[in-house]
Amino acid sequence: QVQLVESGGGLVQPGGSLRLSCATAGTIFAHNTMAWYRQGAGTQRDLVAAIFSTGGTHYVDSVKGRFTISRDDAKQTVYLQMNSLRPEDTAVYFCNRAPPFTLGTTDYWGQGTQVAVSS
């Protein structure tokens, strides 16, 4: 059974840190590029960081130097360490393959985890 379970979000002050985790099950993880996406209020869901099966990484410019993506292949889990958080990082964060896993013709997503950065 395919599963994506994100956790670790919360409310944090600007400059703070959070570590997100994404536990996966099924065929989503193995040998695939995994990624974290985020969706702010009224915006589309965008990729922010990706990690290839080789361990190489990719970040969008807005999070470079602040976020670190990692993976544990044995646990089929993906992590996102977020430091120096800013109010504009506020969003629901999702993990998935890159490109996203599909069931039939529909992208499959977990419930996401809410990150709120505010003083």
N, C-alpha and C. Protein backbone atom coordinates (compact mmCIF):
# COMPACT_ATOMS: atom_id res chain seq x y z
N GLN A 1 0.85 -1.19 0.00
CA GLN A 1 0.00 0.00 0.00
C GLN A 1 0.88 1.24 0.00
N VAL A 2 0.56 2.18 -0.86
CA VAL A 2 1.32 3.42 -0.97
C VAL A 2 0.93 4.36 0.17
N GLN A 3 1.94 4.99 0.76
CA GLN A 3 1.65 5.90 1.87
C GLN A 3 2.72 6.98 1.96
N LEU A 4 2.28 8.18 2.28
CA LEU A 4 3.15 9.32 2.55
C LEU A 4 2.65 9.96 3.83
N VAL A 5 3.50 10.04 4.85
CA VAL A 5 3.09 10.63 6.12
C VAL A 5 4.11 11.67 6.54
N GLU A 6 3.72 12.93 6.44
CA GLU A 6 4.59 14.04 6.81
C GLU A 6 4.36 14.43 8.27
N SER A 7 5.42 14.87 8.93
CA SER A 7 5.31 15.31 10.33
C SER A 7 6.42 16.29 10.65
N GLY A 8 6.29 16.95 11.80
CA GLY A 8 7.34 17.84 12.27
C GLY A 8 7.06 19.31 12.14
N GLY A 9 5.95 19.67 11.54
CA GLY A 9 5.62 21.08 11.39
C GLY A 9 5.22 21.70 12.71
N GLY A 10 5.00 23.00 12.68
CA GLY A 10 4.58 23.72 13.88
C GLY A 10 4.72 25.20 13.71
N LEU A 11 4.55 25.91 14.83
CA LEU A 11 4.69 27.37 14.85
C LEU A 11 6.07 27.71 15.39
N VAL A 12 6.78 28.55 14.68
CA VAL A 12 8.13 28.92 15.08
C VAL A 12 8.34 30.40 14.81
N GLN A 13 9.19 31.02 15.59
CA GLN A 13 9.50 32.43 15.38
C GLN A 13 10.49 32.60 14.23
N PRO A 14 10.49 33.76 13.59
CA PRO A 14 11.50 34.01 12.55
C PRO A 14 12.91 33.76 13.09
N GLY A 15 13.71 33.10 12.27
CA GLY A 15 15.06 32.72 12.67
C GLY A 15 15.15 31.36 13.30
N GLY A 16 14.00 30.76 13.60
CA GLY A 16 13.98 29.45 14.23
C GLY A 16 14.19 28.31 13.26
N SER A 17 14.11 27.09 13.80
CA SER A 17 14.36 25.88 13.01
C SER A 17 13.28 24.84 13.23
N LEU A 18 13.09 24.04 12.22
CA LEU A 18 12.22 22.87 12.31
C LEU A 18 12.83 21.76 11.48
N ARG A 19 12.52 20.53 11.86
CA ARG A 19 12.94 19.38 11.07
C ARG A 19 11.70 18.58 10.70
N LEU A 20 11.44 18.50 9.41
CA LEU A 20 10.30 17.74 8.90
C LEU A 20 10.74 16.33 8.55
N SER A 21 9.82 15.40 8.74
CA SER A 21 10.06 14.00 8.38
C SER A 21 8.94 13.52 7.47
N CYS A 22 9.26 12.60 6.60
CA CYS A 22 8.27 12.00 5.71
C CYS A 22 8.51 10.51 5.64
N ALA A 23 7.61 9.75 6.26
CA ALA A 23 7.69 8.29 6.21
C ALA A 23 6.89 7.81 5.00
N THR A 24 7.49 6.92 4.24
CA THR A 24 6.83 6.42 3.05
C THR A 24 6.64 4.91 3.12
N ALA A 25 5.72 4.42 2.35
CA ALA A 25 5.49 2.98 2.23
C ALA A 25 5.08 2.69 0.80
N GLY A 26 5.35 1.47 0.39
CA GLY A 26 5.01 1.10 -0.97
C GLY A 26 6.16 1.41 -1.91
N THR A 27 5.83 1.73 -3.14
CA THR A 27 6.84 1.85 -4.19
C THR A 27 7.29 3.28 -4.46
N ILE A 28 6.89 4.20 -3.58
CA ILE A 28 7.20 5.61 -3.83
C ILE A 28 8.69 5.89 -3.73
N PHE A 29 9.36 5.31 -2.74
CA PHE A 29 10.68 5.77 -2.34
C PHE A 29 11.82 5.15 -3.14
N ALA A 30 11.80 3.84 -3.33
CA ALA A 30 12.97 3.10 -3.78
C ALA A 30 13.53 3.63 -5.10
N HIS A 31 14.81 3.99 -5.09
CA HIS A 31 15.57 4.40 -6.27
C HIS A 31 15.00 5.64 -6.96
N ASN A 32 14.16 6.36 -6.28
CA ASN A 32 13.53 7.54 -6.90
C ASN A 32 14.07 8.83 -6.30
N THR A 33 13.98 9.87 -7.10
CA THR A 33 14.21 11.20 -6.58
C THR A 33 13.05 11.57 -5.68
N MET A 34 13.36 11.99 -4.46
CA MET A 34 12.34 12.42 -3.52
C MET A 34 12.45 13.92 -3.31
N ALA A 35 11.34 14.53 -2.95
CA ALA A 35 11.33 15.99 -2.86
C ALA A 35 10.38 16.47 -1.80
N TRP A 36 10.62 17.68 -1.36
CA TRP A 36 9.68 18.41 -0.52
C TRP A 36 9.06 19.53 -1.36
N TYR A 37 7.76 19.69 -1.20
CA TYR A 37 7.00 20.73 -1.87
C TYR A 37 6.32 21.56 -0.78
N ARG A 38 5.90 22.75 -1.14
CA ARG A 38 5.11 23.54 -0.19
C ARG A 38 4.04 24.31 -0.93
N GLN A 39 2.98 24.58 -0.18
CA GLN A 39 1.84 25.31 -0.73
C GLN A 39 1.38 26.32 0.30
N GLY A 40 1.58 27.59 -0.02
CA GLY A 40 1.09 28.65 0.84
C GLY A 40 -0.37 28.93 0.56
N ALA A 41 -0.98 29.77 1.37
CA ALA A 41 -2.40 30.11 1.21
C ALA A 41 -2.61 30.77 -0.14
N GLY A 42 -3.51 30.21 -0.93
CA GLY A 42 -3.85 30.79 -2.21
C GLY A 42 -2.79 30.67 -3.28
N THR A 43 -1.81 29.80 -3.06
CA THR A 43 -0.75 29.65 -4.05
C THR A 43 -0.69 28.20 -4.54
N GLN A 44 0.06 27.98 -5.59
CA GLN A 44 0.20 26.62 -6.09
C GLN A 44 1.26 25.88 -5.27
N ARG A 45 1.25 24.58 -5.42
CA ARG A 45 2.22 23.73 -4.73
C ARG A 45 3.52 23.70 -5.53
N ASP A 46 4.61 24.09 -4.90
CA ASP A 46 5.89 24.19 -5.59
C ASP A 46 6.95 23.32 -4.93
N LEU A 47 7.84 22.80 -5.73
CA LEU A 47 8.97 22.05 -5.21
C LEU A 47 9.97 23.01 -4.59
N VAL A 48 10.49 22.65 -3.41
CA VAL A 48 11.51 23.50 -2.78
C VAL A 48 12.85 22.79 -2.66
N ALA A 49 12.85 21.47 -2.57
CA ALA A 49 14.11 20.74 -2.44
C ALA A 49 13.92 19.32 -2.94
N ALA A 50 14.96 18.78 -3.56
CA ALA A 50 14.90 17.41 -4.06
C ALA A 50 16.21 16.70 -3.76
N ILE A 51 16.12 15.39 -3.59
CA ILE A 51 17.32 14.58 -3.38
C ILE A 51 17.24 13.37 -4.29
N PHE A 52 18.30 13.17 -5.06
CA PHE A 52 18.34 12.09 -6.03
C PHE A 52 18.75 10.79 -5.34
N SER A 53 18.54 9.68 -6.02
CA SER A 53 18.91 8.39 -5.45
C SER A 53 20.41 8.31 -5.18
N THR A 54 21.18 9.12 -5.89
CA THR A 54 22.64 9.14 -5.70
C THR A 54 23.05 9.96 -4.48
N GLY A 55 22.10 10.73 -3.95
CA GLY A 55 22.40 11.60 -2.82
C GLY A 55 22.59 13.06 -3.22
N GLY A 56 22.70 13.31 -4.50
CA GLY A 56 22.77 14.69 -4.94
C GLY A 56 21.51 15.45 -4.60
N THR A 57 21.62 16.77 -4.47
CA THR A 57 20.48 17.57 -4.04
C THR A 57 20.26 18.76 -4.95
N HIS A 58 19.05 19.28 -4.87
CA HIS A 58 18.68 20.48 -5.61
C HIS A 58 17.79 21.33 -4.70
N TYR A 59 18.01 22.64 -4.70
CA TYR A 59 17.19 23.56 -3.92
C TYR A 59 16.77 24.74 -4.78
N VAL A 60 15.59 25.25 -4.50
CA VAL A 60 15.22 26.50 -5.13
C VAL A 60 16.00 27.62 -4.45
N ASP A 61 16.18 28.71 -5.16
CA ASP A 61 17.05 29.77 -4.66
C ASP A 61 16.61 30.32 -3.30
N SER A 62 15.32 30.39 -3.08
CA SER A 62 14.82 31.02 -1.86
C SER A 62 15.17 30.24 -0.59
N VAL A 63 15.55 28.97 -0.71
CA VAL A 63 15.86 28.18 0.49
C VAL A 63 17.32 27.74 0.54
N LYS A 64 18.08 28.03 -0.49
CA LYS A 64 19.49 27.63 -0.51
C LYS A 64 20.24 28.20 0.69
N GLY A 65 21.03 27.35 1.31
CA GLY A 65 21.79 27.77 2.47
C GLY A 65 21.03 27.74 3.77
N ARG A 66 19.71 27.52 3.70
CA ARG A 66 18.89 27.49 4.91
C ARG A 66 18.26 26.12 5.13
N PHE A 67 17.88 25.45 4.06
CA PHE A 67 17.22 24.14 4.14
C PHE A 67 18.19 23.05 3.69
N THR A 68 18.05 21.88 4.31
CA THR A 68 18.85 20.72 3.93
C THR A 68 17.94 19.50 3.84
N ILE A 69 17.93 18.89 2.67
CA ILE A 69 17.14 17.67 2.47
C ILE A 69 18.05 16.46 2.61
N SER A 70 17.53 15.41 3.19
CA SER A 70 18.30 14.18 3.35
C SER A 70 17.35 12.98 3.26
N ARG A 71 17.92 11.81 3.11
CA ARG A 71 17.10 10.61 2.98
C ARG A 71 17.76 9.45 3.71
N ASP A 72 16.93 8.58 4.24
CA ASP A 72 17.39 7.34 4.87
C ASP A 72 16.75 6.21 4.08
N ASP A 73 17.53 5.59 3.20
CA ASP A 73 16.97 4.58 2.31
C ASP A 73 16.48 3.36 3.10
N ALA A 74 17.15 3.01 4.17
CA ALA A 74 16.74 1.84 4.95
C ALA A 74 15.37 2.06 5.59
N LYS A 75 15.11 3.30 6.00
CA LYS A 75 13.82 3.62 6.64
C LYS A 75 12.81 4.16 5.65
N GLN A 76 13.21 4.35 4.39
CA GLN A 76 12.33 4.93 3.38
C GLN A 76 11.74 6.24 3.89
N THR A 77 12.59 7.06 4.41
CA THR A 77 12.17 8.32 5.02
C THR A 77 12.99 9.47 4.45
N VAL A 78 12.32 10.59 4.27
CA VAL A 78 12.96 11.81 3.77
C VAL A 78 12.83 12.88 4.84
N TYR A 79 13.85 13.69 4.98
CA TYR A 79 13.86 14.75 6.00
C TYR A 79 14.11 16.11 5.34
N LEU A 80 13.65 17.14 6.03
CA LEU A 80 13.96 18.50 5.61
C LEU A 80 14.31 19.30 6.86
N GLN A 81 15.57 19.65 7.00
CA GLN A 81 16.02 20.50 8.08
C GLN A 81 15.88 21.94 7.62
N MET A 82 15.12 22.72 8.33
CA MET A 82 14.86 24.11 7.95
C MET A 82 15.41 25.03 9.03
N ASN A 83 16.36 25.84 8.67
CA ASN A 83 16.97 26.80 9.58
C ASN A 83 16.71 28.22 9.10
N SER A 84 16.92 29.17 9.97
CA SER A 84 16.74 30.58 9.63
C SER A 84 15.40 30.82 8.95
N LEU A 85 14.37 30.29 9.55
CA LEU A 85 13.04 30.37 8.93
C LEU A 85 12.55 31.81 8.86
N ARG A 86 11.80 32.07 7.80
CA ARG A 86 11.25 33.40 7.52
C ARG A 86 9.73 33.31 7.43
N PRO A 87 9.04 34.41 7.64
CA PRO A 87 7.58 34.37 7.51
C PRO A 87 7.12 33.85 6.14
N GLU A 88 7.87 34.12 5.10
CA GLU A 88 7.47 33.66 3.77
C GLU A 88 7.65 32.15 3.58
N ASP A 89 8.23 31.48 4.56
CA ASP A 89 8.31 30.01 4.52
C ASP A 89 7.01 29.37 5.03
N THR A 90 6.11 30.17 5.54
CA THR A 90 4.84 29.66 6.03
C THR A 90 4.07 28.97 4.91
N ALA A 91 3.72 27.71 5.13
CA ALA A 91 3.04 26.91 4.10
C ALA A 91 2.74 25.53 4.67
N VAL A 92 1.96 24.78 3.92
CA VAL A 92 1.83 23.34 4.19
C VAL A 92 2.90 22.65 3.36
N TYR A 93 3.68 21.81 4.01
CA TYR A 93 4.78 21.12 3.36
C TYR A 93 4.41 19.66 3.09
N PHE A 94 4.69 19.23 1.89
CA PHE A 94 4.39 17.87 1.43
C PHE A 94 5.67 17.22 0.91
N CYS A 95 5.75 15.92 1.04
CA CYS A 95 6.83 15.21 0.37
C CYS A 95 6.21 14.31 -0.70
N ASN A 96 7.02 13.95 -1.67
CA ASN A 96 6.58 13.07 -2.75
C ASN A 96 7.78 12.75 -3.61
N ARG A 97 7.57 11.89 -4.59
CA ARG A 97 8.60 11.73 -5.60
C ARG A 97 8.65 13.01 -6.42
N ALA A 98 9.71 13.07 -7.24
CA ALA A 98 9.77 14.13 -8.25
C ALA A 98 10.02 13.44 -9.58
N PRO A 99 9.06 13.48 -10.50
CA PRO A 99 7.73 14.08 -10.38
C PRO A 99 6.84 13.29 -9.42
N PRO A 100 5.71 13.86 -9.00
CA PRO A 100 4.86 13.23 -7.99
C PRO A 100 4.34 11.85 -8.40
N PHE A 101 4.18 11.01 -7.40
CA PHE A 101 3.62 9.68 -7.60
C PHE A 101 2.16 9.82 -8.05
N THR A 102 1.76 8.97 -8.97
CA THR A 102 0.39 9.03 -9.44
C THR A 102 -0.32 7.70 -9.22
N LEU A 103 -1.60 7.80 -8.93
CA LEU A 103 -2.48 6.63 -8.90
C LEU A 103 -3.45 6.82 -10.06
N GLY A 104 -3.30 6.00 -11.08
CA GLY A 104 -4.07 6.23 -12.29
C GLY A 104 -3.59 7.50 -12.95
N THR A 105 -4.47 8.46 -13.05
CA THR A 105 -4.12 9.74 -13.66
C THR A 105 -4.04 10.86 -12.64
N THR A 106 -4.14 10.52 -11.36
CA THR A 106 -4.20 11.53 -10.30
C THR A 106 -2.93 11.49 -9.45
N ASP A 107 -2.37 12.66 -9.17
CA ASP A 107 -1.22 12.72 -8.26
C ASP A 107 -1.66 12.30 -6.87
N TYR A 108 -0.83 11.50 -6.22
CA TYR A 108 -1.11 11.03 -4.86
C TYR A 108 -0.31 11.87 -3.88
N TRP A 109 -0.97 12.41 -2.88
CA TRP A 109 -0.31 13.24 -1.86
C TRP A 109 -0.71 12.78 -0.46
N GLY A 110 0.18 13.01 0.49
CA GLY A 110 -0.17 12.82 1.88
C GLY A 110 -0.93 14.03 2.40
N GLN A 111 -1.07 14.10 3.74
CA GLN A 111 -1.85 15.19 4.32
C GLN A 111 -1.04 16.46 4.50
N GLY A 112 0.27 16.34 4.40
CA GLY A 112 1.14 17.50 4.59
C GLY A 112 1.31 17.84 6.06
N THR A 113 2.23 18.77 6.32
CA THR A 113 2.45 19.25 7.68
C THR A 113 2.57 20.77 7.63
N GLN A 114 1.84 21.45 8.51
CA GLN A 114 1.77 22.90 8.49
C GLN A 114 2.98 23.52 9.17
N VAL A 115 3.60 24.46 8.50
CA VAL A 115 4.69 25.25 9.07
C VAL A 115 4.23 26.70 9.10
N ALA A 116 4.28 27.30 10.27
CA ALA A 116 3.91 28.70 10.42
C ALA A 116 5.08 29.44 11.07
N VAL A 117 5.53 30.50 10.42
CA VAL A 117 6.65 31.29 10.93
C VAL A 117 6.13 32.68 11.25
N SER A 118 6.08 32.98 12.52
CA SER A 118 5.49 34.25 12.94
C SER A 118 6.00 34.62 14.32
N SER A 119 6.12 35.93 14.55
CA SER A 119 6.50 36.41 15.87
C SER A 119 5.27 36.73 16.71
